[in-house]
């Protein structure tokens, strides 16, 4: 039996090595390079496992030691969401708050439904019957976009500032919205059946409201405590205590822990950084949480690589994963298109922005985290949903992310033409 410390040591050591190779050899952002290396390593180990059964048995043993539900949903998610909330430029986002709110809430909810409907119908063509609950869970976990991947690619592509803040702000907020939808669906579903409207409404509205209220209270208390000290070490620890303690308390009270931690992070980001922290403290807090975010995204892709080693990669499941790619892109196009068109009655939007918002909606760490936490329950078909998530995330980051500049260049040229 492998110890927790030994397993963590293996993950940290492998993550450090992959991060080094990403920066020095692949010349890619750390999380993207790590994903490529971990998945490539998993594929090589799968191939080697055909000739060395002991290797496959060892991988099964290691994966069996990990409780993904506890590690991801009741641990890593707190840090990922809090770090995302701290990275948001609130001053710039306030100018685009209406599109950001509409895209992060309405577009995410619409995308969840569209993915569920399109995927369920599409899989029937290859004789796979996915339950309503399973298809909705996949829609909820795959609809949120990844802020780290999105921000990095937008900077590299030189996106117009208006579009950059819309995509970045949406990516940071829809993480919390998607996580709440996922957890509400997961909690309300029993045996893969569709949750009742009453139960789902209770879980989504009451628990979400309670989580937001708790996050606001704890965020304000932490802000007052930050005003009392002028030590960046203490201030970093206070933000860490807020992220961990608030999430754990919301969990214990059966409130929405994701929305609690996002609300607390946004409050600290907006008030404490400006009013309670010195320049030195702000710099240390930002760097600490950037490091936490990068590290946990690396660990997530390593965990996905481990899980892939023991997944049954049948041809039918791979075909289902390939089908999920156009389904997710189409659902994103429909949900974003509806929101942008409606907003167009009240405010102007850049020509071609729907295409960029659609193609720039990259999937990453959160989708992996939620997929890994899926239970082995009737009707969910965890292996199918994990493989579909794996295929969509790889396509999203490697194909959509690297080709995003092609969609952005015409927008940049037209904006420069208008300004001149």
Protein backbone atom coordinates (compact mmCIF):
# COMPACT_ATOMS: atom_id res chain seq x y z
CA UNK A 1 0.00 0.00 0.00
CA UNK A 2 1.47 3.34 -1.08
CA UNK A 3 1.41 6.11 1.54
CA UNK A 4 -0.23 9.48 0.96
CA UNK A 5 3.13 11.21 1.34
CA UNK A 6 4.77 8.89 -1.20
CA UNK A 7 1.96 9.45 -3.71
CA UNK A 8 2.12 13.23 -3.23
CA UNK A 9 5.91 13.11 -3.60
CA UNK A 10 5.59 11.25 -6.90
CA UNK A 11 3.05 13.78 -8.21
CA UNK A 12 5.13 16.80 -7.13
CA UNK A 13 8.37 15.38 -8.54
CA UNK A 14 6.76 14.41 -11.84
CA UNK A 15 4.99 17.78 -12.02
CA UNK A 16 8.26 19.65 -11.47
CA UNK A 17 10.03 17.62 -14.17
CA UNK A 18 7.18 18.10 -16.65
CA UNK A 19 7.03 21.83 -15.89
CA UNK A 20 10.76 22.14 -16.61
CA UNK A 21 10.38 20.27 -19.90
CA UNK A 22 7.35 22.42 -20.82
CA UNK A 23 9.28 25.66 -20.41
CA UNK A 24 12.72 24.61 -21.69
CA UNK A 25 11.88 22.08 -24.42
CA UNK A 26 8.27 22.48 -25.57
CA UNK A 27 8.17 26.27 -25.06
CA UNK A 28 4.55 26.00 -23.90
CA UNK A 29 2.71 27.38 -20.84
CA UNK A 30 3.29 25.14 -17.82
CA UNK A 31 -0.22 23.71 -17.56
CA UNK A 32 -0.55 23.06 -21.30
CA UNK A 33 2.91 21.49 -21.56
CA UNK A 34 2.25 19.35 -18.50
CA UNK A 35 -1.03 18.15 -19.99
CA UNK A 36 0.72 17.16 -23.22
CA UNK A 37 3.52 15.34 -21.35
CA UNK A 38 1.27 13.58 -18.82
CA UNK A 39 -1.13 12.35 -21.50
CA UNK A 40 1.76 11.30 -23.76
CA UNK A 41 3.31 9.41 -20.85
CA UNK A 42 -0.04 7.77 -20.10
CA UNK A 43 -0.35 6.62 -23.73
CA UNK A 44 3.19 5.19 -23.66
CA UNK A 45 2.50 3.39 -20.37
CA UNK A 46 -0.75 1.98 -21.78
CA UNK A 47 1.19 0.63 -24.75
CA UNK A 48 3.90 -0.75 -22.45
CA UNK A 49 1.22 -2.30 -20.24
CA UNK A 50 0.24 -4.59 -23.12
CA UNK A 51 3.62 -6.30 -22.74
CA UNK A 52 4.04 -5.77 -18.98
CA UNK A 53 0.82 -6.62 -17.08
CA UNK A 54 2.55 -5.74 -13.80
CA UNK A 55 2.69 -2.10 -14.91
CA UNK A 56 -1.08 -1.96 -15.44
CA UNK A 57 -1.69 -3.68 -12.09
CA UNK A 58 0.55 -1.13 -10.36
CA UNK A 59 -1.35 1.76 -11.98
CA UNK A 60 -4.67 0.27 -10.87
CA UNK A 61 -3.34 -0.02 -7.31
CA UNK A 62 -2.17 3.60 -7.23
CA UNK A 63 -5.45 4.94 -8.68
CA UNK A 64 -7.43 2.77 -6.26
CA UNK A 65 -5.71 4.56 -3.37
CA UNK A 66 -7.07 7.96 -4.45
CA UNK A 67 -10.54 9.12 -3.46
CA UNK A 68 -11.04 11.59 -6.32
CA UNK A 69 -14.29 12.91 -4.87
CA UNK A 70 -12.62 14.00 -1.62
CA UNK A 71 -9.35 15.11 -3.19
CA UNK A 72 -10.93 17.19 -5.95
CA UNK A 73 -14.39 18.39 -4.86
CA UNK A 74 -13.57 18.73 -1.18
CA UNK A 75 -10.01 19.93 -1.49
CA UNK A 76 -8.44 21.14 -4.72
CA UNK A 77 -11.54 22.97 -5.96
CA UNK A 78 -11.32 25.45 -3.07
CA UNK A 79 -7.84 26.57 -4.11
CA UNK A 80 -8.59 26.61 -7.84
CA UNK A 81 -11.69 28.80 -7.51
CA UNK A 82 -10.17 31.17 -4.93
CA UNK A 83 -7.04 31.64 -7.04
CA UNK A 84 -9.18 32.33 -10.09
CA UNK A 85 -11.20 34.95 -8.22
CA UNK A 86 -8.01 36.74 -7.10
CA UNK A 87 -6.66 36.93 -10.67
CA UNK A 88 -9.63 38.88 -12.01
CA UNK A 89 -9.01 42.53 -12.93
CA UNK A 90 -12.13 43.97 -11.31
CA UNK A 91 -11.53 47.52 -12.49
CA UNK A 92 -11.48 46.48 -16.15
CA UNK A 93 -14.23 43.94 -15.66
CA UNK A 94 -16.60 46.53 -14.18
CA UNK A 95 -16.81 48.14 -17.64
CA UNK A 96 -17.90 44.81 -19.11
CA UNK A 97 -19.88 43.56 -16.11
CA UNK A 98 -23.16 43.04 -17.97
CA UNK A 99 -21.70 40.81 -20.74
CA UNK A 100 -19.57 38.96 -18.18
CA UNK A 101 -22.53 38.23 -15.89
CA UNK A 102 -24.78 37.18 -18.78
CA UNK A 103 -22.11 34.96 -20.34
CA UNK A 104 -21.01 33.37 -17.07
CA UNK A 105 -24.52 32.57 -15.81
CA UNK A 106 -26.95 32.42 -18.75
CA UNK A 107 -24.54 31.06 -21.36
CA UNK A 108 -23.22 28.41 -18.96
CA UNK A 109 -26.73 27.24 -18.06
CA UNK A 110 -27.81 27.21 -21.72
CA UNK A 111 -24.65 25.37 -22.74
CA UNK A 112 -25.29 22.72 -20.08
CA UNK A 113 -28.74 22.01 -21.53
CA UNK A 114 -27.58 22.15 -25.16
CA UNK A 115 -24.67 19.76 -24.51
CA UNK A 116 -26.98 17.33 -22.71
CA UNK A 117 -29.57 17.32 -25.49
CA UNK A 118 -27.11 17.16 -28.40
CA UNK A 119 -24.87 14.54 -26.79
CA UNK A 120 -27.73 12.27 -25.79
CA UNK A 121 -29.19 12.42 -29.31
CA UNK A 122 -25.80 11.98 -30.99
CA UNK A 123 -24.76 8.98 -28.91
CA UNK A 124 -27.94 7.17 -29.87
CA UNK A 125 -26.58 7.12 -33.43
CA UNK A 126 -23.82 4.78 -32.24
CA UNK A 127 -26.18 2.84 -29.95
CA UNK A 128 -25.09 4.37 -26.62
CA UNK A 129 -27.96 5.27 -24.30
CA UNK A 130 -26.78 7.93 -21.86
CA UNK A 131 -29.18 8.84 -19.06
CA UNK A 132 -30.62 12.35 -18.72
CA UNK A 133 -28.75 12.81 -15.44
CA UNK A 134 -25.47 11.61 -16.96
CA UNK A 135 -25.80 13.88 -19.99
CA UNK A 136 -26.65 16.90 -17.81
CA UNK A 137 -23.69 16.19 -15.54
CA UNK A 138 -21.39 16.13 -18.56
CA UNK A 139 -22.96 19.38 -19.80
CA UNK A 140 -22.36 21.03 -16.42
CA UNK A 141 -18.73 19.91 -16.10
CA UNK A 142 -17.70 20.71 -19.69
CA UNK A 143 -19.48 24.08 -20.12
CA UNK A 144 -17.26 26.25 -17.85
CA UNK A 145 -14.16 27.60 -19.60
CA UNK A 146 -10.66 27.51 -18.13
CA UNK A 147 -9.33 30.93 -17.02
CA UNK A 148 -5.64 29.97 -17.02
CA UNK A 149 -5.63 28.60 -20.56
CA UNK A 150 -7.90 31.39 -21.83
CA UNK A 151 -5.87 34.26 -20.34
CA UNK A 152 -2.55 32.92 -21.58
CA UNK A 153 -3.80 32.30 -25.11
CA UNK A 154 -5.52 35.70 -25.31
CA UNK A 155 -2.32 37.50 -24.31
CA UNK A 156 -0.33 35.54 -26.89
CA UNK A 157 -2.90 36.26 -29.60
CA UNK A 158 -3.17 40.00 -28.84
CA UNK A 159 -6.94 40.04 -28.43
CA UNK A 160 -8.84 43.37 -28.28
CA UNK A 161 -9.10 44.49 -24.61
CA UNK A 162 -12.92 44.44 -24.64
CA UNK A 163 -13.04 40.84 -25.82
CA UNK A 164 -10.17 39.77 -23.57
CA UNK A 165 -11.89 40.95 -20.39
CA UNK A 166 -15.21 39.40 -21.46
CA UNK A 167 -13.62 36.00 -22.03
CA UNK A 168 -11.38 36.23 -18.96
CA UNK A 169 -14.16 37.46 -16.66
CA UNK A 170 -16.60 34.86 -17.95
CA UNK A 171 -14.00 32.10 -17.50
CA UNK A 172 -13.37 33.07 -13.89
CA UNK A 173 -17.04 33.38 -12.90
CA UNK A 174 -18.47 30.46 -14.84
CA UNK A 175 -16.18 28.11 -12.93
CA UNK A 176 -18.28 28.75 -9.84
CA UNK A 177 -21.56 28.60 -11.78
CA UNK A 178 -20.59 25.34 -13.50
CA UNK A 179 -19.43 23.76 -10.25
CA UNK A 180 -22.72 24.68 -8.55
CA UNK A 181 -24.77 23.24 -11.42
CA UNK A 182 -22.68 20.08 -11.36
CA UNK A 183 -22.93 19.58 -7.60
CA UNK A 184 -26.66 20.35 -7.56
CA UNK A 185 -27.27 17.82 -10.33
CA UNK A 186 -25.02 15.28 -8.63
CA UNK A 187 -26.72 15.74 -5.28
CA UNK A 188 -30.25 15.65 -6.69
CA UNK A 189 -29.70 12.64 -8.97
CA UNK A 190 -30.28 9.18 -7.58
CA UNK A 191 -29.40 6.13 -9.61
CA UNK A 192 -28.95 8.22 -12.74
CA UNK A 193 -32.54 9.50 -12.74
CA UNK A 194 -33.55 13.05 -13.55
CA UNK A 195 -33.79 15.19 -10.37
CA UNK A 196 -37.17 16.55 -9.40
CA UNK A 197 -37.73 20.24 -10.14
CA UNK A 198 -38.46 20.98 -6.47
CA UNK A 199 -35.33 19.28 -5.16
CA UNK A 200 -33.11 20.76 -7.85
CA UNK A 201 -34.54 24.23 -7.26
CA UNK A 202 -33.89 23.93 -3.53
CA UNK A 203 -30.31 22.77 -4.01
CA UNK A 204 -29.53 25.41 -6.62
CA UNK A 205 -31.24 28.49 -5.20
CA UNK A 206 -31.17 28.10 -1.43
CA UNK A 207 -27.73 26.55 -1.19
CA UNK A 208 -26.28 28.91 -3.78
CA UNK A 209 -27.70 31.93 -1.95
CA UNK A 210 -26.42 30.63 1.37
CA UNK A 211 -22.96 30.06 -0.11
CA UNK A 212 -22.82 33.59 -1.52
CA UNK A 213 -23.97 35.09 1.80
CA UNK A 214 -21.42 33.07 3.80
CA UNK A 215 -18.65 34.03 1.37
CA UNK A 216 -19.54 37.72 1.70
CA UNK A 217 -19.50 37.54 5.52
CA UNK A 218 -16.22 35.63 5.73
CA UNK A 219 -14.66 37.82 3.05
CA UNK A 220 -15.59 40.96 5.00
CA UNK A 221 -14.26 39.51 8.28
CA UNK A 222 -10.98 38.61 6.55
CA UNK A 223 -10.81 42.11 5.07
CA UNK A 224 -11.10 43.64 8.55
CA UNK A 225 -8.37 41.31 9.83
CA UNK A 226 -6.10 42.26 6.92
CA UNK A 227 -6.53 45.92 7.90
CA UNK A 228 -5.03 45.14 11.32
CA UNK A 229 -1.66 43.85 10.08
CA UNK A 230 1.16 44.97 7.80
CA UNK A 231 2.99 41.69 7.29
CA UNK A 232 2.77 39.90 3.95
CA UNK A 233 3.38 36.52 5.64
CA UNK A 234 0.33 36.96 7.86
CA UNK A 235 -1.73 38.32 4.97
CA UNK A 236 -0.92 35.33 2.76
CA UNK A 237 -1.89 33.02 5.64
CA UNK A 238 -5.18 34.88 6.16
CA UNK A 239 -6.13 34.46 2.50
CA UNK A 240 -5.17 30.78 2.72
CA UNK A 241 -7.31 30.38 5.85
CA UNK A 242 -10.23 32.08 4.09
CA UNK A 243 -10.00 29.77 1.07
CA UNK A 244 -9.69 26.57 3.09
CA UNK A 245 -11.76 27.42 6.17
CA UNK A 246 -14.61 29.05 4.26
CA UNK A 247 -14.89 26.15 1.83
CA UNK A 248 -14.82 23.59 4.65
CA UNK A 249 -17.45 25.53 6.64
CA UNK A 250 -19.75 25.82 3.62
CA UNK A 251 -19.34 22.08 3.05
CA UNK A 252 -20.19 21.37 6.69
CA UNK A 253 -23.28 23.61 6.50
CA UNK A 254 -24.27 21.94 3.20
CA UNK A 255 -24.16 25.26 1.35
CA UNK A 256 -22.59 25.92 -2.04
CA UNK A 257 -18.88 25.81 -1.24
CA UNK A 258 -17.80 26.82 -4.79
CA UNK A 259 -19.89 30.01 -4.74
CA UNK A 260 -18.79 30.73 -1.17
CA UNK A 261 -15.11 30.64 -2.09
CA UNK A 262 -15.60 32.63 -5.33
CA UNK A 263 -17.57 35.33 -3.46
CA UNK A 264 -14.95 35.54 -0.71
CA UNK A 265 -12.14 35.70 -3.25
CA UNK A 266 -13.80 38.46 -5.27
CA UNK A 267 -14.47 40.51 -2.11
CA UNK A 268 -10.86 40.21 -0.93
CA UNK A 269 -9.66 40.95 -4.46
CA UNK A 270 -11.79 44.08 -4.75
CA UNK A 271 -11.48 45.62 -1.28
CA UNK A 272 -8.52 44.17 0.60
CA UNK A 273 -5.95 44.43 -2.17
CA UNK A 274 -6.77 48.11 -2.69
CA UNK A 275 -7.41 49.23 0.89
CA UNK A 276 -5.79 46.80 3.32
CA UNK A 277 -2.60 45.55 1.64
CA UNK A 278 0.69 47.24 0.94
CA UNK A 279 2.32 46.94 -2.48
CA UNK A 280 4.68 44.28 -1.11
CA UNK A 281 1.82 42.28 0.39
CA UNK A 282 -0.21 42.46 -2.84
CA UNK A 283 2.74 41.18 -4.82
CA UNK A 284 3.34 38.24 -2.47
CA UNK A 285 -0.35 37.31 -2.27
CA UNK A 286 -0.67 37.39 -6.07
CA UNK A 287 2.45 35.32 -6.63
CA UNK A 288 1.48 32.80 -3.95
CA UNK A 289 -1.94 32.16 -5.47
CA UNK A 290 -0.58 32.09 -9.03
CA UNK A 291 1.84 29.39 -7.90
CA UNK A 292 -0.95 27.45 -6.16
CA UNK A 293 -3.12 27.67 -9.27
CA UNK A 294 -0.33 26.53 -11.61
CA UNK A 295 0.69 23.71 -9.29
CA UNK A 296 -2.83 22.35 -8.85
CA UNK A 297 -3.52 22.48 -12.59
CA UNK A 298 -0.34 20.45 -13.11
CA UNK A 299 -1.45 17.94 -10.47
CA UNK A 300 -4.91 17.70 -12.05
CA UNK A 301 -3.49 16.72 -15.42
CA UNK A 302 -1.16 14.22 -13.75
CA UNK A 303 -4.15 12.70 -11.95
CA UNK A 304 -6.01 12.54 -15.26
CA UNK A 305 -3.01 10.78 -16.77
CA UNK A 306 -3.09 8.25 -13.91
CA UNK A 307 -6.81 7.69 -14.35
CA UNK A 308 -6.41 7.20 -18.09
CA UNK A 309 -4.03 4.30 -17.42
CA UNK A 310 -6.89 2.21 -16.03
CA UNK A 311 -9.77 3.40 -18.24
CA UNK A 312 -11.22 0.94 -20.76
CA UNK A 313 -10.33 2.73 -24.00
CA UNK A 314 -12.72 0.89 -26.28
CA UNK A 315 -13.19 2.03 -29.87
CA UNK A 316 -16.83 2.88 -29.11
CA UNK A 317 -15.86 5.16 -26.21
CA UNK A 318 -13.25 6.94 -28.33
CA UNK A 319 -15.86 7.50 -31.06
CA UNK A 320 -18.19 8.90 -28.37
CA UNK A 321 -15.40 11.25 -27.26
CA UNK A 322 -14.87 12.40 -30.84
CA UNK A 323 -18.62 13.05 -31.16
CA UNK A 324 -18.49 15.14 -27.96
CA UNK A 325 -16.09 17.64 -29.60
CA UNK A 326 -18.52 19.13 -32.17
CA UNK A 327 -21.35 18.80 -29.65
CA UNK A 328 -19.52 20.98 -27.11
CA UNK A 329 -18.41 23.51 -29.74
CA UNK A 330 -21.95 23.75 -31.17
CA UNK A 331 -23.48 24.15 -27.70
CA UNK A 332 -20.97 26.91 -26.96
CA UNK A 333 -21.79 28.64 -30.26
CA UNK A 334 -25.55 28.50 -29.62
CA UNK A 335 -25.37 29.67 -25.99
CA UNK A 336 -22.89 32.49 -26.66
CA UNK A 337 -24.73 33.50 -29.86
CA UNK A 338 -28.06 33.83 -28.06
CA UNK A 339 -26.53 35.92 -25.26
CA UNK A 340 -24.54 38.20 -27.59
CA UNK A 341 -27.53 38.76 -29.90
CA UNK A 342 -29.77 39.68 -26.98
CA UNK A 343 -27.11 42.00 -25.55
CA UNK A 344 -26.80 43.53 -29.02
CA UNK A 345 -30.17 45.21 -28.57
CA UNK A 346 -28.70 47.25 -25.70
CA UNK A 347 -25.01 47.65 -26.55
CA UNK A 348 -22.67 47.31 -29.51
CA UNK A 349 -20.44 44.29 -29.90
CA UNK A 350 -17.41 43.69 -32.10
CA UNK A 351 -18.13 42.01 -35.46
CA UNK A 352 -16.96 38.42 -35.28
CA UNK A 353 -16.98 38.37 -31.48
CA UNK A 354 -19.31 35.34 -31.40
CA UNK A 355 -16.75 33.28 -33.33
CA UNK A 356 -13.92 34.31 -30.98
CA UNK A 357 -16.00 33.76 -27.85
CA UNK A 358 -16.99 30.33 -29.16
CA UNK A 359 -13.54 29.15 -30.25
CA UNK A 360 -11.83 30.85 -27.31
CA UNK A 361 -13.91 28.98 -24.73
CA UNK A 362 -11.13 26.59 -23.77
CA UNK A 363 -11.74 23.72 -21.36
CA UNK A 364 -9.15 22.68 -18.80
CA UNK A 365 -8.59 22.13 -15.10
CA UNK A 366 -12.14 22.45 -13.78
CA UNK A 367 -13.60 20.03 -16.34
CA UNK A 368 -10.93 17.50 -15.41
CA UNK A 369 -11.52 18.06 -11.70
CA UNK A 370 -15.28 17.56 -11.91
CA UNK A 371 -14.99 14.55 -14.24
CA UNK A 372 -12.55 12.84 -11.87
CA UNK A 373 -15.03 13.31 -9.01
CA UNK A 374 -17.88 11.49 -10.82
CA UNK A 375 -19.08 8.47 -8.83
CA UNK A 376 -19.37 4.91 -10.11
CA UNK A 377 -23.17 4.98 -10.16
CA UNK A 378 -25.74 3.39 -12.49
CA UNK A 379 -26.69 5.67 -15.36
CA UNK A 380 -23.66 7.98 -15.08
CA UNK A 381 -21.26 5.74 -17.07
CA UNK A 382 -18.22 7.34 -15.45
CA UNK A 383 -15.71 5.81 -17.86
CA UNK A 384 -17.55 7.14 -20.91
CA UNK A 385 -17.81 10.66 -19.44
CA UNK A 386 -14.15 10.64 -18.35
CA UNK A 387 -12.97 9.65 -21.82
CA UNK A 388 -15.27 12.24 -23.44
CA UNK A 389 -13.88 14.91 -21.08
CA UNK A 390 -10.32 13.83 -21.85
CA UNK A 391 -10.88 14.05 -25.62
CA UNK A 392 -12.67 17.43 -25.46
CA UNK A 393 -10.03 19.01 -23.16
CA UNK A 394 -7.14 17.82 -25.33
CA UNK A 395 -8.84 19.13 -28.49
CA UNK A 396 -9.80 22.38 -26.76
CA UNK A 397 -6.32 23.30 -25.55
CA UNK A 398 -4.19 21.91 -28.38
CA UNK A 399 -6.41 22.69 -31.40
CA UNK A 400 -8.64 25.59 -30.30
CA UNK A 401 -6.02 27.26 -28.11
CA UNK A 402 -3.17 27.14 -30.61
CA UNK A 403 -5.41 28.23 -33.53
CA UNK A 404 -7.14 31.05 -31.60
CA UNK A 405 -4.93 33.78 -33.14
CA UNK A 406 -6.44 32.96 -36.56
CA UNK A 407 -9.86 34.06 -35.25
CA UNK A 408 -8.53 37.08 -33.38
CA UNK A 409 -6.37 38.70 -36.08
CA UNK A 410 -9.31 39.90 -38.26
CA UNK A 411 -10.94 41.43 -35.17
CA UNK A 412 -7.72 43.20 -34.21
CA UNK A 413 -7.26 44.57 -37.74
CA UNK A 414 -10.86 45.83 -37.93
CA UNK A 415 -10.54 47.51 -34.53
CA UNK A 416 -7.31 49.26 -35.58
CA UNK A 417 -9.05 50.40 -38.79
CA UNK A 418 -11.94 51.86 -36.80
CA UNK A 419 -9.62 53.65 -34.37
CA UNK A 420 -7.51 55.14 -37.18
